[in-house]
Amino acid sequence: RRGPAGREVVAVDVEAGGTLCPACAAGVPDAVRIEAASLAVLRRLRGLSWSEATGTRLGRAEEELRELLDLQVARLIGQPARATRFVRELERFSPRSGGVS
């Protein structure tokens, strides 16, 4: 499938834990759609050490992977993580993120 700007999109089933083919994705309304490039970044991160991964620039994939991770954590603990909201509030005030200076 193609998403915005003609980019390939992949469906991820957070509940089942994996990617879906287009036919199966049609039957899973809660599947998360991310760009194939974001999935490639995630796969690359899995093979890196912690120090390598934390130093890797994620580019456009960062926001999609953050949302995917938030959903996975919420599924595992049974509720949205409070830390996620806290970190996002802090980022609003970070000069790096374009927040308040």
Protein backbone atom coordinates (compact mmCIF):
# COMPACT_ATOMS: atom_id res chain seq x y z
CA ARG A 1 0.00 0.00 0.00
CA ARG A 2 0.98 3.56 -0.56
CA GLY A 3 0.51 6.28 2.00
CA PRO A 4 1.05 10.04 1.87
CA ALA A 5 3.43 11.21 -0.85
CA GLY A 6 3.44 7.74 -2.41
CA ARG A 7 5.40 6.13 0.43
CA GLU A 8 4.90 2.43 1.08
CA VAL A 9 2.87 1.74 4.23
CA VAL A 10 2.97 -1.36 6.43
CA ALA A 11 0.31 -2.42 8.94
CA VAL A 12 1.44 -3.50 12.41
CA ASP A 13 -0.84 -5.45 14.74
CA VAL A 14 0.28 -4.37 18.22
CA GLU A 15 -2.03 -6.86 19.93
CA ALA A 16 -0.73 -9.89 17.99
CA GLY A 17 2.79 -8.53 17.71
CA GLY A 18 3.79 -8.33 14.08
CA THR A 19 3.28 -6.96 10.61
CA LEU A 20 0.31 -7.85 8.45
CA CYS A 21 -0.08 -8.52 4.77
CA PRO A 22 -2.52 -6.14 3.03
CA ALA A 23 -5.30 -8.77 2.98
CA CYS A 24 -5.03 -9.46 6.72
CA ALA A 25 -4.61 -5.77 7.57
CA ALA A 26 -8.04 -5.08 6.08
CA GLY A 27 -9.55 -7.32 8.78
CA VAL A 28 -7.72 -5.65 11.67
CA PRO A 29 -9.15 -2.15 12.13
CA ASP A 30 -6.84 -1.39 15.09
CA ALA A 31 -3.68 -2.11 13.10
CA VAL A 32 -1.23 0.77 13.13
CA ARG A 33 -0.08 1.98 9.74
CA ILE A 34 3.54 3.09 9.52
CA GLU A 35 5.84 3.77 6.62
CA ALA A 36 7.90 0.81 5.44
CA ALA A 37 10.97 3.00 5.97
CA SER A 38 10.08 3.30 9.68
CA LEU A 39 9.83 -0.47 9.96
CA ALA A 40 13.26 -0.76 8.32
CA VAL A 41 14.67 1.67 10.92
CA LEU A 42 13.14 -0.40 13.73
CA ARG A 43 14.68 -3.58 12.34
CA ARG A 44 18.06 -1.86 12.08
CA LEU A 45 17.81 -0.61 15.68
CA ARG A 46 17.17 -4.13 16.93
CA GLY A 47 20.62 -5.19 15.76
CA LEU A 48 22.51 -2.36 17.45
CA SER A 49 23.96 -2.11 20.94
CA TRP A 50 22.25 0.31 23.33
CA SER A 51 24.93 2.97 22.88
CA GLU A 52 24.79 2.64 19.08
CA ALA A 53 20.98 2.78 19.05
CA THR A 54 20.75 5.84 21.28
CA GLY A 55 23.20 7.68 19.03
CA THR A 56 21.32 6.84 15.83
CA ARG A 57 19.37 9.59 14.10
CA LEU A 58 15.90 8.32 13.26
CA GLY A 59 14.71 11.16 11.05
CA ARG A 60 11.07 10.97 9.99
CA ALA A 61 10.71 7.51 11.53
CA GLU A 62 11.11 8.82 15.08
CA GLU A 63 7.52 9.99 15.59
CA GLU A 64 5.98 6.84 14.11
CA LEU A 65 8.23 4.55 16.14
CA ARG A 66 7.53 6.54 19.30
CA GLU A 67 3.77 6.12 18.79
CA LEU A 68 4.20 2.41 18.06
CA LEU A 69 6.27 1.93 21.22
CA ASP A 70 3.73 3.89 23.28
CA LEU A 71 0.94 1.61 22.04
CA GLN A 72 2.97 -1.52 22.78
CA VAL A 73 3.80 -0.38 26.31
CA ALA A 74 0.14 0.54 26.94
CA ARG A 75 -0.93 -2.91 25.75
CA LEU A 76 1.59 -4.62 28.04
CA ILE A 77 0.73 -2.63 31.18
CA GLY A 78 -2.99 -2.34 30.47
CA GLN A 79 -3.12 1.46 30.35
CA PRO A 80 -1.31 4.38 28.73
CA ALA A 81 2.04 5.09 30.37
CA ARG A 82 2.04 8.32 32.38
CA ALA A 83 5.71 8.83 31.58
CA THR A 84 4.88 9.26 27.90
CA ARG A 85 2.73 12.30 28.55
CA PHE A 86 5.32 13.71 30.95
CA VAL A 87 8.14 13.37 28.39
CA ARG A 88 6.04 15.01 25.69
CA GLU A 89 5.27 17.93 27.99
CA LEU A 90 8.99 18.35 28.70
CA GLU A 91 9.76 18.27 24.99
CA ARG A 92 7.39 21.17 24.40
CA PHE A 93 9.81 23.33 26.37
CA SER A 94 12.98 21.96 24.81
CA PRO A 95 14.78 24.36 22.44
CA ARG A 96 15.83 21.31 20.37
CA SER A 97 12.23 20.35 19.62
CA GLY A 98 11.18 23.85 18.65
CA GLY A 99 9.33 24.39 21.92
CA VAL A 100 9.38 27.50 24.05
CA SER A 101 12.82 29.16 24.21
